[in-house]
Amino acid sequence: MSSISATVASSRHPGLAALSLCSGVMIFSGQDWIIKFLSGDYPVHQAIAIRGVVAMVILFAFIAYAGKLASLRSKRMGLLIVRGLVLMVAYTTYYLAFPSMPLANVVALWFTVPLFVTALAGPFLGEKVGARRWIAENKTGLKKYNKLMKADLNHKIEKVGVKLRERMPWLSDER
């Protein structure tokens, strides 16, 4: 765990964490809408460049405020650059879909990413996620899946979610 994430994790403010998560989702959704709105007037590479510059300024401001600029040095800088380039290509292709498809369709397709990650985990990472494993899991009544699901349901974020939903009566099915 990096020193920045250790500092944040040790603060233990679940309300602030939930607010941060919601803010992040709102920012990403707003960003998608802005790119969709501007996609007819500005080239995608220009939108990606502007997004990157704005993100870097915000990121460096937070890191400098935390006094952790030295944490940006890495022994694997080459791999980080390759990762950055791969992400740039991913976002560019994502944003290229905006002018020609409805925003909801683009986002729905983006949610298939975990399926592709799972499918490519074998060839790229050597993970064993074959059909036999999925079939065996289903034949045994999803024991491993249910164990993981139970662990997730007992996670602290779920307890925070319950408390948040209690404060939002409009979410209940009873009307």
N, C-alpha and C. Protein backbone atom coordinates (compact mmCIF):
# COMPACT_ATOMS: atom_id res chain seq x y z
N MET A 1 0.86 -1.17 0.00
CA MET A 1 0.00 0.00 0.00
C MET A 1 0.90 1.23 0.00
N SER A 2 0.62 2.17 -0.85
CA SER A 2 1.44 3.38 -0.89
C SER A 2 1.20 4.21 0.35
N SER A 3 2.11 5.14 0.59
CA SER A 3 1.98 5.96 1.80
C SER A 3 0.76 6.87 1.71
N ILE A 4 0.40 7.30 0.50
CA ILE A 4 -0.78 8.16 0.34
C ILE A 4 -2.04 7.36 0.66
N SER A 5 -2.16 6.16 0.09
CA SER A 5 -3.37 5.38 0.35
C SER A 5 -3.41 4.91 1.79
N ALA A 6 -2.25 4.68 2.41
CA ALA A 6 -2.23 4.29 3.82
C ALA A 6 -2.73 5.45 4.68
N THR A 7 -2.34 6.67 4.32
CA THR A 7 -2.80 7.83 5.08
C THR A 7 -4.30 7.99 4.95
N VAL A 8 -4.81 7.83 3.74
CA VAL A 8 -6.25 7.97 3.51
C VAL A 8 -6.99 6.85 4.22
N ALA A 9 -6.49 5.61 4.12
CA ALA A 9 -7.17 4.47 4.74
C ALA A 9 -7.19 4.59 6.25
N SER A 10 -6.17 5.20 6.83
CA SER A 10 -6.13 5.28 8.29
C SER A 10 -7.08 6.35 8.82
N SER A 11 -7.59 7.23 7.97
CA SER A 11 -8.47 8.28 8.45
C SER A 11 -9.85 7.75 8.82
N ARG A 12 -10.32 6.68 8.20
CA ARG A 12 -11.57 6.00 8.56
C ARG A 12 -12.78 6.91 8.60
N HIS A 13 -13.06 7.57 7.52
CA HIS A 13 -14.24 8.42 7.40
C HIS A 13 -15.13 7.84 6.32
N PRO A 14 -16.01 6.90 6.68
CA PRO A 14 -16.83 6.25 5.66
C PRO A 14 -17.75 7.21 4.91
N GLY A 15 -18.25 8.23 5.59
CA GLY A 15 -19.10 9.20 4.90
C GLY A 15 -18.33 9.96 3.84
N LEU A 16 -17.11 10.36 4.18
CA LEU A 16 -16.26 11.06 3.21
C LEU A 16 -15.88 10.13 2.06
N ALA A 17 -15.64 8.86 2.39
CA ALA A 17 -15.31 7.90 1.34
C ALA A 17 -16.48 7.73 0.37
N ALA A 18 -17.70 7.60 0.91
CA ALA A 18 -18.88 7.45 0.05
C ALA A 18 -19.10 8.70 -0.79
N LEU A 19 -18.91 9.87 -0.19
CA LEU A 19 -19.06 11.13 -0.92
C LEU A 19 -18.00 11.23 -2.03
N SER A 20 -16.79 10.81 -1.74
CA SER A 20 -15.73 10.83 -2.74
C SER A 20 -16.06 9.91 -3.90
N LEU A 21 -16.57 8.72 -3.58
CA LEU A 21 -16.94 7.78 -4.63
C LEU A 21 -18.05 8.34 -5.50
N CYS A 22 -19.08 8.88 -4.87
CA CYS A 22 -20.19 9.47 -5.63
C CYS A 22 -19.72 10.64 -6.48
N SER A 23 -18.82 11.45 -5.93
CA SER A 23 -18.27 12.58 -6.69
C SER A 23 -17.50 12.10 -7.90
N GLY A 24 -16.72 11.05 -7.71
CA GLY A 24 -15.96 10.50 -8.83
C GLY A 24 -16.85 9.99 -9.94
N VAL A 25 -17.91 9.27 -9.57
CA VAL A 25 -18.86 8.77 -10.57
C VAL A 25 -19.53 9.94 -11.28
N MET A 26 -19.89 10.98 -10.53
CA MET A 26 -20.52 12.15 -11.13
C MET A 26 -19.56 12.84 -12.11
N ILE A 27 -18.31 12.96 -11.72
CA ILE A 27 -17.33 13.61 -12.60
C ILE A 27 -17.13 12.80 -13.87
N PHE A 28 -17.00 11.47 -13.77
CA PHE A 28 -16.84 10.65 -14.96
C PHE A 28 -18.07 10.73 -15.86
N SER A 29 -19.24 10.72 -15.27
CA SER A 29 -20.46 10.82 -16.07
C SER A 29 -20.56 12.18 -16.75
N GLY A 30 -20.24 13.23 -16.02
CA GLY A 30 -20.24 14.57 -16.60
C GLY A 30 -19.22 14.70 -17.71
N GLN A 31 -18.07 14.09 -17.50
CA GLN A 31 -17.02 14.12 -18.53
C GLN A 31 -17.51 13.44 -19.81
N ASP A 32 -18.18 12.29 -19.67
CA ASP A 32 -18.71 11.60 -20.85
C ASP A 32 -19.72 12.48 -21.58
N TRP A 33 -20.59 13.14 -20.82
CA TRP A 33 -21.59 14.01 -21.44
C TRP A 33 -20.91 15.16 -22.17
N ILE A 34 -19.90 15.77 -21.55
CA ILE A 34 -19.19 16.90 -22.18
C ILE A 34 -18.52 16.45 -23.48
N ILE A 35 -17.85 15.29 -23.44
CA ILE A 35 -17.19 14.78 -24.65
C ILE A 35 -18.24 14.50 -25.74
N LYS A 36 -19.37 13.92 -25.37
CA LYS A 36 -20.43 13.66 -26.34
C LYS A 36 -20.93 14.98 -26.94
N PHE A 37 -21.12 15.98 -26.11
CA PHE A 37 -21.61 17.28 -26.54
C PHE A 37 -20.63 17.97 -27.49
N LEU A 38 -19.33 17.86 -27.19
CA LEU A 38 -18.31 18.54 -27.99
C LEU A 38 -17.79 17.71 -29.16
N SER A 39 -18.18 16.43 -29.24
CA SER A 39 -17.57 15.53 -30.23
C SER A 39 -17.82 15.96 -31.67
N GLY A 40 -18.84 16.72 -31.92
CA GLY A 40 -19.07 17.18 -33.29
C GLY A 40 -18.18 18.35 -33.69
N ASP A 41 -17.66 19.10 -32.70
CA ASP A 41 -16.89 20.30 -32.99
C ASP A 41 -15.38 20.15 -32.77
N TYR A 42 -14.97 19.22 -31.92
CA TYR A 42 -13.56 19.07 -31.59
C TYR A 42 -13.09 17.65 -31.92
N PRO A 43 -11.87 17.51 -32.43
CA PRO A 43 -11.35 16.16 -32.69
C PRO A 43 -11.10 15.42 -31.37
N VAL A 44 -11.23 14.10 -31.41
CA VAL A 44 -11.11 13.29 -30.20
C VAL A 44 -9.73 13.45 -29.57
N HIS A 45 -8.66 13.48 -30.37
CA HIS A 45 -7.32 13.60 -29.79
C HIS A 45 -7.17 14.90 -29.00
N GLN A 46 -7.85 15.95 -29.42
CA GLN A 46 -7.79 17.22 -28.68
C GLN A 46 -8.54 17.08 -27.35
N ALA A 47 -9.67 16.41 -27.35
CA ALA A 47 -10.41 16.19 -26.10
C ALA A 47 -9.59 15.34 -25.13
N ILE A 48 -8.91 14.33 -25.64
CA ILE A 48 -8.06 13.48 -24.79
C ILE A 48 -6.91 14.29 -24.22
N ALA A 49 -6.30 15.15 -25.02
CA ALA A 49 -5.19 15.97 -24.54
C ALA A 49 -5.66 16.93 -23.44
N ILE A 50 -6.79 17.58 -23.66
CA ILE A 50 -7.32 18.51 -22.65
C ILE A 50 -7.65 17.75 -21.37
N ARG A 51 -8.29 16.60 -21.50
CA ARG A 51 -8.62 15.77 -20.34
C ARG A 51 -7.36 15.39 -19.57
N GLY A 52 -6.33 14.99 -20.28
CA GLY A 52 -5.08 14.59 -19.64
C GLY A 52 -4.40 15.73 -18.91
N VAL A 53 -4.36 16.91 -19.53
CA VAL A 53 -3.72 18.06 -18.90
C VAL A 53 -4.48 18.47 -17.63
N VAL A 54 -5.79 18.54 -17.72
CA VAL A 54 -6.60 18.91 -16.55
C VAL A 54 -6.41 17.88 -15.43
N ALA A 55 -6.44 16.59 -15.79
CA ALA A 55 -6.26 15.54 -14.78
C ALA A 55 -4.89 15.63 -14.12
N MET A 56 -3.84 15.91 -14.91
CA MET A 56 -2.48 16.00 -14.35
C MET A 56 -2.38 17.17 -13.37
N VAL A 57 -2.96 18.29 -13.72
CA VAL A 57 -2.92 19.46 -12.83
C VAL A 57 -3.60 19.13 -11.50
N ILE A 58 -4.78 18.54 -11.57
CA ILE A 58 -5.52 18.18 -10.35
C ILE A 58 -4.74 17.14 -9.54
N LEU A 59 -4.22 16.12 -10.22
CA LEU A 59 -3.47 15.07 -9.54
C LEU A 59 -2.23 15.63 -8.83
N PHE A 60 -1.45 16.44 -9.55
CA PHE A 60 -0.25 17.01 -8.94
C PHE A 60 -0.59 17.93 -7.78
N ALA A 61 -1.70 18.64 -7.88
CA ALA A 61 -2.11 19.51 -6.77
C ALA A 61 -2.41 18.69 -5.52
N PHE A 62 -3.13 17.58 -5.68
CA PHE A 62 -3.44 16.72 -4.53
C PHE A 62 -2.17 16.10 -3.95
N ILE A 63 -1.29 15.62 -4.82
CA ILE A 63 -0.07 14.98 -4.34
C ILE A 63 0.84 15.99 -3.66
N ALA A 64 0.95 17.18 -4.23
CA ALA A 64 1.78 18.22 -3.61
C ALA A 64 1.19 18.64 -2.27
N TYR A 65 -0.13 18.75 -2.19
CA TYR A 65 -0.79 19.11 -0.93
C TYR A 65 -0.50 18.07 0.16
N ALA A 66 -0.45 16.80 -0.25
CA ALA A 66 -0.16 15.72 0.70
C ALA A 66 1.34 15.65 1.01
N GLY A 67 2.15 16.42 0.27
CA GLY A 67 3.59 16.40 0.49
C GLY A 67 4.24 15.11 0.04
N LYS A 68 3.71 14.49 -0.99
CA LYS A 68 4.19 13.18 -1.43
C LYS A 68 4.72 13.18 -2.87
N LEU A 69 5.26 14.29 -3.34
CA LEU A 69 5.76 14.33 -4.72
C LEU A 69 6.84 13.29 -4.97
N ALA A 70 7.64 12.96 -3.96
CA ALA A 70 8.70 11.96 -4.12
C ALA A 70 8.12 10.58 -4.41
N SER A 71 6.88 10.34 -4.04
CA SER A 71 6.27 9.03 -4.27
C SER A 71 5.98 8.77 -5.75
N LEU A 72 6.16 9.77 -6.60
CA LEU A 72 5.91 9.60 -8.03
C LEU A 72 7.07 8.90 -8.74
N ARG A 73 8.22 8.83 -8.08
CA ARG A 73 9.36 8.12 -8.68
C ARG A 73 9.11 6.62 -8.63
N SER A 74 9.51 5.94 -9.71
CA SER A 74 9.30 4.50 -9.78
C SER A 74 10.49 3.83 -10.43
N LYS A 75 10.79 2.61 -9.99
CA LYS A 75 11.85 1.81 -10.60
C LYS A 75 11.39 1.25 -11.94
N ARG A 76 10.09 1.24 -12.18
CA ARG A 76 9.52 0.68 -13.41
C ARG A 76 8.84 1.76 -14.23
N MET A 77 9.53 2.86 -14.44
CA MET A 77 8.95 3.98 -15.16
C MET A 77 8.55 3.59 -16.58
N GLY A 78 9.31 2.73 -17.23
CA GLY A 78 8.98 2.28 -18.58
C GLY A 78 7.64 1.59 -18.64
N LEU A 79 7.38 0.71 -17.67
CA LEU A 79 6.09 0.02 -17.63
C LEU A 79 4.95 0.99 -17.35
N LEU A 80 5.20 1.98 -16.52
CA LEU A 80 4.16 2.98 -16.25
C LEU A 80 3.84 3.79 -17.51
N ILE A 81 4.85 4.09 -18.29
CA ILE A 81 4.62 4.83 -19.54
C ILE A 81 3.83 3.98 -20.52
N VAL A 82 4.17 2.69 -20.62
CA VAL A 82 3.42 1.78 -21.50
C VAL A 82 1.97 1.70 -21.03
N ARG A 83 1.76 1.58 -19.72
CA ARG A 83 0.40 1.54 -19.16
C ARG A 83 -0.36 2.81 -19.52
N GLY A 84 0.29 3.96 -19.39
CA GLY A 84 -0.34 5.22 -19.75
C GLY A 84 -0.73 5.28 -21.21
N LEU A 85 0.13 4.78 -22.08
CA LEU A 85 -0.17 4.77 -23.51
C LEU A 85 -1.35 3.83 -23.83
N VAL A 86 -1.38 2.68 -23.16
CA VAL A 86 -2.49 1.75 -23.37
C VAL A 86 -3.80 2.39 -22.92
N LEU A 87 -3.78 3.06 -21.77
CA LEU A 87 -4.98 3.74 -21.30
C LEU A 87 -5.40 4.87 -22.23
N MET A 88 -4.42 5.57 -22.79
CA MET A 88 -4.73 6.64 -23.73
C MET A 88 -5.44 6.07 -24.97
N VAL A 89 -4.95 4.95 -25.46
CA VAL A 89 -5.61 4.30 -26.61
C VAL A 89 -7.02 3.84 -26.23
N ALA A 90 -7.17 3.29 -25.01
CA ALA A 90 -8.49 2.83 -24.56
C ALA A 90 -9.47 3.99 -24.50
N TYR A 91 -9.07 5.09 -23.89
CA TYR A 91 -9.97 6.24 -23.79
C TYR A 91 -10.25 6.85 -25.17
N THR A 92 -9.25 6.88 -26.03
CA THR A 92 -9.45 7.43 -27.37
C THR A 92 -10.49 6.61 -28.13
N THR A 93 -10.36 5.29 -28.08
CA THR A 93 -11.34 4.46 -28.80
C THR A 93 -12.72 4.56 -28.16
N TYR A 94 -12.76 4.70 -26.83
CA TYR A 94 -14.03 4.90 -26.12
C TYR A 94 -14.70 6.18 -26.59
N TYR A 95 -13.94 7.26 -26.64
CA TYR A 95 -14.51 8.54 -27.04
C TYR A 95 -14.80 8.61 -28.54
N LEU A 96 -14.13 7.81 -29.35
CA LEU A 96 -14.44 7.79 -30.78
C LEU A 96 -15.85 7.28 -31.05
N ALA A 97 -16.39 6.50 -30.13
CA ALA A 97 -17.75 5.97 -30.31
C ALA A 97 -18.81 7.03 -30.05
N PHE A 98 -18.48 8.08 -29.31
CA PHE A 98 -19.49 9.07 -28.90
C PHE A 98 -20.21 9.75 -30.05
N PRO A 99 -19.51 10.20 -31.09
CA PRO A 99 -20.25 10.91 -32.15
C PRO A 99 -21.24 10.02 -32.91
N SER A 100 -20.99 8.72 -32.95
CA SER A 100 -21.82 7.87 -33.80
C SER A 100 -22.81 6.99 -33.05
N MET A 101 -22.76 6.99 -31.71
CA MET A 101 -23.68 6.15 -30.94
C MET A 101 -24.31 6.96 -29.81
N PRO A 102 -25.49 6.55 -29.36
CA PRO A 102 -26.07 7.20 -28.18
C PRO A 102 -25.18 6.94 -26.95
N LEU A 103 -25.11 7.92 -26.07
CA LEU A 103 -24.25 7.83 -24.89
C LEU A 103 -24.57 6.59 -24.06
N ALA A 104 -25.84 6.27 -23.89
CA ALA A 104 -26.23 5.11 -23.09
C ALA A 104 -25.68 3.82 -23.68
N ASN A 105 -25.67 3.68 -24.99
CA ASN A 105 -25.14 2.48 -25.63
C ASN A 105 -23.63 2.37 -25.43
N VAL A 106 -22.93 3.49 -25.54
CA VAL A 106 -21.48 3.48 -25.36
C VAL A 106 -21.14 3.04 -23.93
N VAL A 107 -21.83 3.61 -22.96
CA VAL A 107 -21.56 3.28 -21.56
C VAL A 107 -21.93 1.82 -21.28
N ALA A 108 -23.04 1.35 -21.83
CA ALA A 108 -23.44 -0.05 -21.64
C ALA A 108 -22.38 -1.00 -22.20
N LEU A 109 -21.85 -0.68 -23.36
CA LEU A 109 -20.78 -1.50 -23.92
C LEU A 109 -19.52 -1.45 -23.07
N TRP A 110 -19.26 -0.28 -22.49
CA TRP A 110 -18.07 -0.13 -21.64
C TRP A 110 -18.17 -1.06 -20.43
N PHE A 111 -19.38 -1.33 -19.97
CA PHE A 111 -19.56 -2.21 -18.81
C PHE A 111 -19.23 -3.67 -19.14
N THR A 112 -18.98 -4.00 -20.40
CA THR A 112 -18.57 -5.36 -20.75
C THR A 112 -17.07 -5.57 -20.54
N VAL A 113 -16.35 -4.53 -20.15
CA VAL A 113 -14.91 -4.62 -19.96
C VAL A 113 -14.52 -5.78 -19.03
N PRO A 114 -15.20 -6.00 -17.88
CA PRO A 114 -14.80 -7.13 -17.03
C PRO A 114 -14.86 -8.48 -17.75
N LEU A 115 -15.79 -8.64 -18.69
CA LEU A 115 -15.85 -9.89 -19.45
C LEU A 115 -14.60 -10.06 -20.29
N PHE A 116 -14.15 -8.99 -20.92
CA PHE A 116 -12.94 -9.06 -21.73
C PHE A 116 -11.71 -9.28 -20.87
N VAL A 117 -11.67 -8.64 -19.71
CA VAL A 117 -10.54 -8.84 -18.80
C VAL A 117 -10.46 -10.30 -18.37
N THR A 118 -11.60 -10.89 -18.05
CA THR A 118 -11.64 -12.29 -17.66
C THR A 118 -11.21 -13.19 -18.81
N ALA A 119 -11.70 -12.90 -20.00
CA ALA A 119 -11.36 -13.72 -21.17
C ALA A 119 -9.88 -13.63 -21.51
N LEU A 120 -9.27 -12.47 -21.28
CA LEU A 120 -7.86 -12.28 -21.62
C LEU A 120 -6.91 -12.58 -20.47
N ALA A 121 -7.46 -12.90 -19.30
CA ALA A 121 -6.61 -13.20 -18.15
C ALA A 121 -5.77 -14.44 -18.39
N GLY A 122 -6.31 -15.41 -19.11
CA GLY A 122 -5.56 -16.62 -19.41
C GLY A 122 -4.38 -16.36 -20.33
N PRO A 123 -4.63 -15.83 -21.53
CA PRO A 123 -3.52 -15.63 -22.46
C PRO A 123 -2.46 -14.64 -21.98
N PHE A 124 -2.85 -13.59 -21.27
CA PHE A 124 -1.88 -12.56 -20.89
C PHE A 124 -1.27 -12.77 -19.51
N LEU A 125 -2.05 -13.30 -18.56
CA LEU A 125 -1.57 -13.41 -17.19
C LEU A 125 -1.35 -14.85 -16.74
N GLY A 126 -1.74 -15.81 -17.57
CA GLY A 126 -1.59 -17.20 -17.20
C GLY A 126 -2.63 -17.68 -16.20
N GLU A 127 -3.69 -16.89 -15.99
CA GLU A 127 -4.76 -17.28 -15.07
C GLU A 127 -5.57 -18.41 -15.70
N LYS A 128 -6.06 -19.30 -14.86
CA LYS A 128 -6.87 -20.41 -15.35
C LYS A 128 -8.34 -20.07 -15.13
N VAL A 129 -8.96 -19.52 -16.17
CA VAL A 129 -10.36 -19.13 -16.10
C VAL A 129 -11.06 -19.77 -17.30
N GLY A 130 -10.92 -21.07 -17.39
CA GLY A 130 -11.49 -21.79 -18.52
C GLY A 130 -12.93 -22.19 -18.32
N ALA A 131 -13.50 -22.75 -19.36
CA ALA A 131 -14.90 -23.17 -19.33
C ALA A 131 -15.10 -24.26 -18.27
N ARG A 132 -14.12 -25.14 -18.13
CA ARG A 132 -14.25 -26.22 -17.13
C ARG A 132 -14.40 -25.65 -15.73
N ARG A 133 -13.66 -24.61 -15.45
CA ARG A 133 -13.73 -24.00 -14.11
C ARG A 133 -15.12 -23.41 -13.86
N TRP A 134 -15.66 -22.71 -14.87
CA TRP A 134 -16.99 -22.13 -14.72
C TRP A 134 -18.06 -23.21 -14.60
N ILE A 135 -17.95 -24.26 -15.40
CA ILE A 135 -18.92 -25.35 -15.35
C ILE A 135 -18.84 -26.07 -14.01
N ALA A 136 -17.62 -26.34 -13.54
CA ALA A 136 -17.45 -27.01 -12.24
C ALA A 136 -18.04 -26.16 -11.11
N GLU A 137 -17.83 -24.87 -11.18
CA GLU A 137 -18.37 -23.98 -10.15
C GLU A 137 -19.89 -24.04 -10.15
N ASN A 138 -20.49 -24.05 -11.32
CA ASN A 138 -21.95 -24.12 -11.40
C ASN A 138 -22.49 -25.48 -10.93
N LYS A 139 -21.76 -26.56 -11.24
CA LYS A 139 -22.21 -27.88 -10.82
C LYS A 139 -22.16 -28.05 -9.31
N THR A 140 -21.23 -27.37 -8.65
CA THR A 140 -21.11 -27.51 -7.19
C THR A 140 -21.98 -26.50 -6.46
N GLY A 141 -22.88 -25.88 -7.15
CA GLY A 141 -23.81 -24.96 -6.50
C GLY A 141 -23.19 -23.60 -6.20
N LEU A 142 -22.21 -23.21 -6.96
CA LEU A 142 -21.57 -21.90 -6.84
C LEU A 142 -20.98 -21.68 -5.44
N LYS A 143 -20.34 -22.69 -4.87
CA LYS A 143 -19.79 -22.59 -3.52
C LYS A 143 -18.76 -21.48 -3.40
N LYS A 144 -17.80 -21.45 -4.33
CA LYS A 144 -16.77 -20.41 -4.26
C LYS A 144 -17.38 -19.03 -4.49
N TYR A 145 -18.26 -18.95 -5.46
CA TYR A 145 -18.91 -17.68 -5.76
C TYR A 145 -19.69 -17.17 -4.54
N ASN A 146 -20.46 -18.05 -3.92
CA ASN A 146 -21.26 -17.66 -2.75
C ASN A 146 -20.38 -17.26 -1.58
N LYS A 147 -19.24 -17.94 -1.42
CA LYS A 147 -18.30 -17.58 -0.36
C LYS A 147 -17.76 -16.17 -0.59
N LEU A 148 -17.37 -15.88 -1.83
CA LEU A 148 -16.88 -14.54 -2.16
C LEU A 148 -17.98 -13.50 -2.00
N MET A 149 -19.20 -13.84 -2.40
CA MET A 149 -20.32 -12.92 -2.28
C MET A 149 -20.62 -12.61 -0.81
N LYS A 150 -20.57 -13.65 0.03
CA LYS A 150 -20.81 -13.45 1.46
C LYS A 150 -19.74 -12.54 2.06
N ALA A 151 -18.49 -12.75 1.66
CA ALA A 151 -17.40 -11.90 2.15
C ALA A 151 -17.63 -10.45 1.72
N ASP A 152 -18.09 -10.26 0.48
CA ASP A 152 -18.37 -8.90 0.00
C ASP A 152 -19.52 -8.26 0.76
N LEU A 153 -20.54 -9.03 1.08
CA LEU A 153 -21.70 -8.48 1.79
C LEU A 153 -21.35 -8.09 3.23
N ASN A 154 -20.33 -8.71 3.77
CA ASN A 154 -19.89 -8.38 5.13
C ASN A 154 -18.82 -7.29 5.15
N HIS A 155 -18.48 -6.78 3.99
CA HIS A 155 -17.46 -5.73 3.91
C HIS A 155 -17.98 -4.43 4.54
N LYS A 156 -17.07 -3.62 5.05
CA LYS A 156 -17.46 -2.38 5.73
C LYS A 156 -18.25 -1.44 4.82
N ILE A 157 -17.94 -1.44 3.53
CA ILE A 157 -18.63 -0.52 2.62
C ILE A 157 -20.12 -0.86 2.55
N GLU A 158 -20.46 -2.14 2.71
CA GLU A 158 -21.87 -2.52 2.71
C GLU A 158 -22.59 -1.95 3.92
N LYS A 159 -21.92 -1.92 5.07
CA LYS A 159 -22.52 -1.34 6.27
C LYS A 159 -22.75 0.16 6.08
N VAL A 160 -21.78 0.81 5.43
CA VAL A 160 -21.94 2.24 5.12
C VAL A 160 -23.11 2.43 4.17
N GLY A 161 -23.23 1.53 3.18
CA GLY A 161 -24.33 1.61 2.22
C GLY A 161 -25.69 1.50 2.88
N VAL A 162 -25.79 0.59 3.86
CA VAL A 162 -27.05 0.43 4.59
C VAL A 162 -27.40 1.73 5.30
N LYS A 163 -26.42 2.33 5.96
CA LYS A 163 -26.66 3.58 6.70
C LYS A 163 -27.06 4.70 5.74
N LEU A 164 -26.41 4.76 4.58
CA LEU A 164 -26.74 5.80 3.60
C LEU A 164 -28.15 5.61 3.06
N ARG A 165 -28.51 4.35 2.75
CA ARG A 165 -29.85 4.09 2.21
C ARG A 165 -30.93 4.38 3.24
N GLU A 166 -30.62 4.18 4.53
CA GLU A 166 -31.60 4.52 5.58
C GLU A 166 -31.91 6.02 5.58
N ARG A 167 -30.94 6.82 5.16
CA ARG A 167 -31.14 8.28 5.13
C ARG A 167 -31.80 8.75 3.84
N MET A 168 -32.08 7.83 2.94
CA MET A 168 -32.68 8.16 1.66
C MET A 168 -33.99 7.38 1.50
N PRO A 169 -35.05 7.84 2.16
CA PRO A 169 -36.32 7.09 2.14
C PRO A 169 -36.92 6.97 0.73
N TRP A 170 -36.56 7.85 -0.16
CA TRP A 170 -37.12 7.81 -1.51
C TRP A 170 -36.61 6.61 -2.31
N LEU A 171 -35.60 5.90 -1.80
CA LEU A 171 -35.10 4.72 -2.49
C LEU A 171 -35.90 3.46 -2.18
N SER A 172 -36.71 3.49 -1.12
CA SER A 172 -37.46 2.28 -0.75
C SER A 172 -38.56 2.02 -1.76
N ASP A 173 -38.95 0.75 -1.84
CA ASP A 173 -39.99 0.35 -2.79
C ASP A 173 -41.37 0.76 -2.33
N GLU A 174 -41.53 1.01 -1.03
CA GLU A 174 -42.83 1.40 -0.50
C GLU A 174 -43.10 2.86 -0.82
N ARG A 175 -44.19 3.14 -1.50
CA ARG A 175 -44.49 4.52 -1.88
C ARG A 175 -45.86 4.88 -1.44
